[in-house]
Amino acid sequence: MVRDKFKTFEDFEEEIVFAEQSIEEWKDEIKLLKEDIKNGIQRYPRDNEEIIRVTYQDSVMYEFRKIRAMYSAGMPIEDLVEDVEYTIFCIENYFEFEDTCIETEYIYILWLISLEILLETDKNNIKRLANIVEKWGIEDFVIDYLLCVSDIG
């Protein structure tokens, strides 16, 4: 049953398919760029690592679009878990290149911690998010509270 009454299931399905296609293309691009780095190839004017970072950031944005659409379409909560885990993976990988947190990343981290609590997934995912919070130096009462209630501290 659709949770969001302002759109149809087909609307959400279209958004999900578009997001999935984009994410898959970006996964392929990241693989190609990582191979290029190994082989010393520079295909584009911008640095390969910079392109990888931006591609991971874009993947996070589209993963959130997909997750929201799946939830709003009424899909089972369990179906969201894999996408949430991949979103954490993307943040972990672009945070290798980024040593500060901007407002967008703060919102993503807050959403992910909230989703992890809502979905009651593996505690390791919340620990991964806590590591990101620590590395980025995010000091926020709401995030600290959510981490504490999830027994992460």
C-alpha atoms as a PDB file:
ATOM      1  CA  MET A   1       0.000   0.000   0.000  1.00  0.00           C
ATOM      2  CA  VAL A   2       1.375   3.391  -1.012  1.00  0.00           C
ATOM      3  CA  ARG A   3       2.369   5.476   2.029  1.00  0.00           C
ATOM      4  CA  ASP A   4       2.411   8.804   0.175  1.00  0.00           C
ATOM      5  CA  LYS A   5      -1.094   9.567  -1.119  1.00  0.00           C
ATOM      6  CA  PHE A   6      -0.025  12.414  -3.418  1.00  0.00           C
ATOM      7  CA  LYS A   7       1.622  10.158  -6.002  1.00  0.00           C
ATOM      8  CA  THR A   8       0.892   6.800  -7.541  1.00  0.00           C
ATOM      9  CA  PHE A   9       2.954   3.659  -7.200  1.00  0.00           C
ATOM     10  CA  GLU A  10       3.932   4.095 -10.848  1.00  0.00           C
ATOM     11  CA  ASP A  11       5.371   7.555 -10.103  1.00  0.00           C
ATOM     12  CA  PHE A  12       7.576   6.090  -7.385  1.00  0.00           C
ATOM     13  CA  GLU A  13       8.502   3.114  -9.519  1.00  0.00           C
ATOM     14  CA  GLU A  14       9.691   5.455 -12.283  1.00  0.00           C
ATOM     15  CA  GLU A  15      11.841   7.382  -9.815  1.00  0.00           C
ATOM     16  CA  ILE A  16      13.274   4.145  -8.382  1.00  0.00           C
ATOM     17  CA  VAL A  17      14.188   2.805 -11.829  1.00  0.00           C
ATOM     18  CA  PHE A  18      15.837   6.097 -12.823  1.00  0.00           C
ATOM     19  CA  ALA A  19      17.862   6.192  -9.586  1.00  0.00           C
ATOM     20  CA  GLU A  20      18.906   2.537  -9.966  1.00  0.00           C
ATOM     21  CA  GLN A  21      20.088   3.113 -13.537  1.00  0.00           C
ATOM     22  CA  SER A  22      22.104   6.170 -12.522  1.00  0.00           C
ATOM     23  CA  ILE A  23      23.672   4.398  -9.554  1.00  0.00           C
ATOM     24  CA  GLU A  24      24.650   1.373 -11.667  1.00  0.00           C
ATOM     25  CA  GLU A  25      26.263   3.620 -14.281  1.00  0.00           C
ATOM     26  CA  TRP A  26      28.233   5.373 -11.546  1.00  0.00           C
ATOM     27  CA  LYS A  27      29.352   2.064 -10.034  1.00  0.00           C
ATOM     28  CA  ASP A  28      30.732   1.107 -13.452  1.00  0.00           C
ATOM     29  CA  GLU A  29      32.422   4.508 -13.803  1.00  0.00           C
ATOM     30  CA  ILE A  30      34.058   4.175 -10.387  1.00  0.00           C
ATOM     31  CA  LYS A  31      35.382   0.705 -11.270  1.00  0.00           C
ATOM     32  CA  LEU A  32      36.794   2.047 -14.530  1.00  0.00           C
ATOM     33  CA  LEU A  33      38.429   5.027 -12.823  1.00  0.00           C
ATOM     34  CA  LYS A  34      39.976   2.853 -10.118  1.00  0.00           C
ATOM     35  CA  GLU A  35      41.469   0.657 -12.831  1.00  0.00           C
ATOM     36  CA  ASP A  36      42.737   3.778 -14.574  1.00  0.00           C
ATOM     37  CA  ILE A  37      44.440   4.899 -11.360  1.00  0.00           C
ATOM     38  CA  LYS A  38      46.142   1.490 -11.062  1.00  0.00           C
ATOM     39  CA  ASN A  39      47.301   1.693 -14.667  1.00  0.00           C
ATOM     40  CA  GLY A  40      48.303   5.365 -14.587  1.00  0.00           C
ATOM     41  CA  ILE A  41      45.651   6.426 -17.105  1.00  0.00           C
ATOM     42  CA  GLN A  42      44.034   9.881 -16.966  1.00  0.00           C
ATOM     43  CA  ARG A  43      41.008   9.987 -19.337  1.00  0.00           C
ATOM     44  CA  TYR A  44      39.530  13.298 -18.237  1.00  0.00           C
ATOM     45  CA  PRO A  45      40.920  16.758 -17.492  1.00  0.00           C
ATOM     46  CA  ARG A  46      39.827  16.435 -13.862  1.00  0.00           C
ATOM     47  CA  ASP A  47      41.773  14.154 -11.537  1.00  0.00           C
ATOM     48  CA  ASN A  48      40.478  10.560 -11.365  1.00  0.00           C
ATOM     49  CA  GLU A  49      40.232  10.644  -7.564  1.00  0.00           C
ATOM     50  CA  GLU A  50      38.219  13.866  -7.670  1.00  0.00           C
ATOM     51  CA  ILE A  51      35.807  12.307 -10.164  1.00  0.00           C
ATOM     52  CA  ILE A  52      35.461   9.232  -7.935  1.00  0.00           C
ATOM     53  CA  ARG A  53      34.695  11.433  -4.913  1.00  0.00           C
ATOM     54  CA  VAL A  54      32.034  13.406  -6.794  1.00  0.00           C
ATOM     55  CA  THR A  55      30.563  10.192  -8.198  1.00  0.00           C
ATOM     56  CA  TYR A  56      30.225   8.748  -4.685  1.00  0.00           C
ATOM     57  CA  GLN A  57      28.551  11.986  -3.578  1.00  0.00           C
ATOM     58  CA  ASP A  58      26.104  11.784  -6.483  1.00  0.00           C
ATOM     59  CA  SER A  59      25.416   8.153  -5.644  1.00  0.00           C
ATOM     60  CA  VAL A  60      24.501   9.139  -2.075  1.00  0.00           C
ATOM     61  CA  MET A  61      22.051  11.729  -3.355  1.00  0.00           C
ATOM     62  CA  TYR A  62      20.389   9.258  -5.716  1.00  0.00           C
ATOM     63  CA  GLU A  63      20.358   6.495  -3.118  1.00  0.00           C
ATOM     64  CA  PHE A  64      18.384   8.812  -0.839  1.00  0.00           C
ATOM     65  CA  ARG A  65      15.955   9.583  -3.666  1.00  0.00           C
ATOM     66  CA  LYS A  66      15.544   5.857  -4.227  1.00  0.00           C
ATOM     67  CA  ILE A  67      15.101   5.075  -0.520  1.00  0.00           C
ATOM     68  CA  ARG A  68      12.476   7.817  -0.096  1.00  0.00           C
ATOM     69  CA  ALA A  69      10.622   6.621  -3.205  1.00  0.00           C
ATOM     70  CA  MET A  70      10.719   2.994  -2.053  1.00  0.00           C
ATOM     71  CA  TYR A  71       9.421   3.917   1.396  1.00  0.00           C
ATOM     72  CA  SER A  72       6.730   6.224   0.008  1.00  0.00           C
ATOM     73  CA  ALA A  73       5.658   3.573  -2.509  1.00  0.00           C
ATOM     74  CA  GLY A  74       4.904   1.247   0.391  1.00  0.00           C
ATOM     75  CA  MET A  75       7.695  -1.218  -0.240  1.00  0.00           C
ATOM     76  CA  PRO A  76       8.667  -3.403   2.723  1.00  0.00           C
ATOM     77  CA  ILE A  77      11.149  -1.830   5.126  1.00  0.00           C
ATOM     78  CA  GLU A  78      13.474  -4.830   4.676  1.00  0.00           C
ATOM     79  CA  ASP A  79      13.934  -3.871   1.015  1.00  0.00           C
ATOM     80  CA  LEU A  80      15.556  -0.589   2.063  1.00  0.00           C
ATOM     81  CA  VAL A  81      18.375  -2.152   4.083  1.00  0.00           C
ATOM     82  CA  GLU A  82      20.699  -2.924   1.149  1.00  0.00           C
ATOM     83  CA  ASP A  83      20.348   0.606  -0.206  1.00  0.00           C
ATOM     84  CA  VAL A  84      21.014   2.145   3.198  1.00  0.00           C
ATOM     85  CA  GLU A  85      24.156   0.012   3.540  1.00  0.00           C
ATOM     86  CA  TYR A  86      25.370   1.030   0.084  1.00  0.00           C
ATOM     87  CA  THR A  87      24.746   4.680   0.971  1.00  0.00           C
ATOM     88  CA  ILE A  88      26.969   4.298   4.043  1.00  0.00           C
ATOM     89  CA  PHE A  89      29.599   2.640   1.833  1.00  0.00           C
ATOM     90  CA  CYS A  90      29.506   5.619  -0.562  1.00  0.00           C
ATOM     91  CA  ILE A  91      29.895   8.121   2.264  1.00  0.00           C
ATOM     92  CA  GLU A  92      32.794   6.129   3.718  1.00  0.00           C
ATOM     93  CA  ASN A  93      34.483   6.128   0.325  1.00  0.00           C
ATOM     94  CA  TYR A  94      34.102   9.769  -0.537  1.00  0.00           C
ATOM     95  CA  PHE A  95      34.969  10.762   2.979  1.00  0.00           C
ATOM     96  CA  GLU A  96      38.447   9.387   2.232  1.00  0.00           C
ATOM     97  CA  PHE A  97      38.832  12.521   0.090  1.00  0.00           C
ATOM     98  CA  GLU A  98      36.855  14.927   2.300  1.00  0.00           C
ATOM     99  CA  ASP A  99      38.074  15.842   5.768  1.00  0.00           C
ATOM    100  CA  THR A 100      35.291  18.239   6.677  1.00  0.00           C
ATOM    101  CA  CYS A 101      31.542  17.936   6.827  1.00  0.00           C
ATOM    102  CA  ILE A 102      29.262  20.371   5.074  1.00  0.00           C
ATOM    103  CA  GLU A 103      25.556  20.861   5.704  1.00  0.00           C
ATOM    104  CA  THR A 104      24.467  18.289   3.106  1.00  0.00           C
ATOM    105  CA  GLU A 105      26.638  15.569   4.627  1.00  0.00           C
ATOM    106  CA  TYR A 106      25.322  16.432   8.083  1.00  0.00           C
ATOM    107  CA  ILE A 107      21.750  15.892   6.856  1.00  0.00           C
ATOM    108  CA  TYR A 108      22.716  12.607   5.177  1.00  0.00           C
ATOM    109  CA  ILE A 109      24.383  11.334   8.352  1.00  0.00           C
ATOM    110  CA  LEU A 110      21.375  12.352  10.443  1.00  0.00           C
ATOM    111  CA  TRP A 111      18.994  10.603   8.024  1.00  0.00           C
ATOM    112  CA  LEU A 112      21.125   7.475   7.902  1.00  0.00           C
ATOM    113  CA  ILE A 113      21.387   7.167  11.677  1.00  0.00           C
ATOM    114  CA  SER A 114      17.623   7.678  11.915  1.00  0.00           C
ATOM    115  CA  LEU A 115      17.002   5.082   9.199  1.00  0.00           C
ATOM    116  CA  GLU A 116      19.298   2.595  10.885  1.00  0.00           C
ATOM    117  CA  ILE A 117      17.330   2.984  14.113  1.00  0.00           C
ATOM    118  CA  LEU A 118      13.993   2.771  12.269  1.00  0.00           C
ATOM    119  CA  LEU A 119      15.031  -0.288  10.256  1.00  0.00           C
ATOM    120  CA  GLU A 120      16.688  -1.925  13.273  1.00  0.00           C
ATOM    121  CA  THR A 121      19.568  -3.097  11.138  1.00  0.00           C
ATOM    122  CA  ASP A 122      22.980  -4.400  12.071  1.00  0.00           C
ATOM    123  CA  LYS A 123      24.616  -2.296  14.816  1.00  0.00           C
ATOM    124  CA  ASN A 124      27.819  -2.298  12.765  1.00  0.00           C
ATOM    125  CA  ASN A 125      26.174   0.143  10.348  1.00  0.00           C
ATOM    126  CA  ILE A 126      25.562   2.630  13.135  1.00  0.00           C
ATOM    127  CA  LYS A 127      29.151   2.109  14.317  1.00  0.00           C
ATOM    128  CA  ARG A 128      30.326   2.933  10.792  1.00  0.00           C
ATOM    129  CA  LEU A 129      28.275   6.119  10.886  1.00  0.00           C
ATOM    130  CA  ALA A 130      29.635   6.958  14.344  1.00  0.00           C
ATOM    131  CA  ASN A 131      33.164   6.645  12.911  1.00  0.00           C
ATOM    132  CA  ILE A 132      32.263   9.096  10.157  1.00  0.00           C
ATOM    133  CA  VAL A 133      30.788  11.508  12.728  1.00  0.00           C
ATOM    134  CA  GLU A 134      33.983  11.283  14.749  1.00  0.00           C
ATOM    135  CA  LYS A 135      36.330  11.693  11.783  1.00  0.00           C
ATOM    136  CA  TRP A 136      34.405  14.686  10.440  1.00  0.00           C
ATOM    137  CA  GLY A 137      34.294  16.188  13.921  1.00  0.00           C
ATOM    138  CA  ILE A 138      30.522  16.604  13.911  1.00  0.00           C
ATOM    139  CA  GLU A 139      29.412  17.875  17.297  1.00  0.00           C
ATOM    140  CA  ASP A 140      25.643  17.815  17.387  1.00  0.00           C
ATOM    141  CA  PHE A 141      23.217  17.073  20.198  1.00  0.00           C
ATOM    142  CA  VAL A 142      20.680  15.280  17.978  1.00  0.00           C
ATOM    143  CA  ILE A 143      23.264  12.971  16.413  1.00  0.00           C
ATOM    144  CA  ASP A 144      24.873  12.327  19.804  1.00  0.00           C
ATOM    145  CA  TYR A 145      21.459  11.512  21.276  1.00  0.00           C
ATOM    146  CA  LEU A 146      20.581   9.114  18.430  1.00  0.00           C
ATOM    147  CA  LEU A 147      23.934   7.357  18.753  1.00  0.00           C
ATOM    148  CA  CYS A 148      23.423   7.017  22.524  1.00  0.00           C
ATOM    149  CA  VAL A 149      19.918   5.586  22.246  1.00  0.00           C
ATOM    150  CA  SER A 150      21.213   3.097  19.708  1.00  0.00           C
ATOM    151  CA  ASP A 151      23.747   1.904  22.314  1.00  0.00           C
ATOM    152  CA  ILE A 152      26.699   3.181  20.317  1.00  0.00           C
ATOM    153  CA  GLY A 153      27.584   6.142  22.542  1.00  0.00           C
END
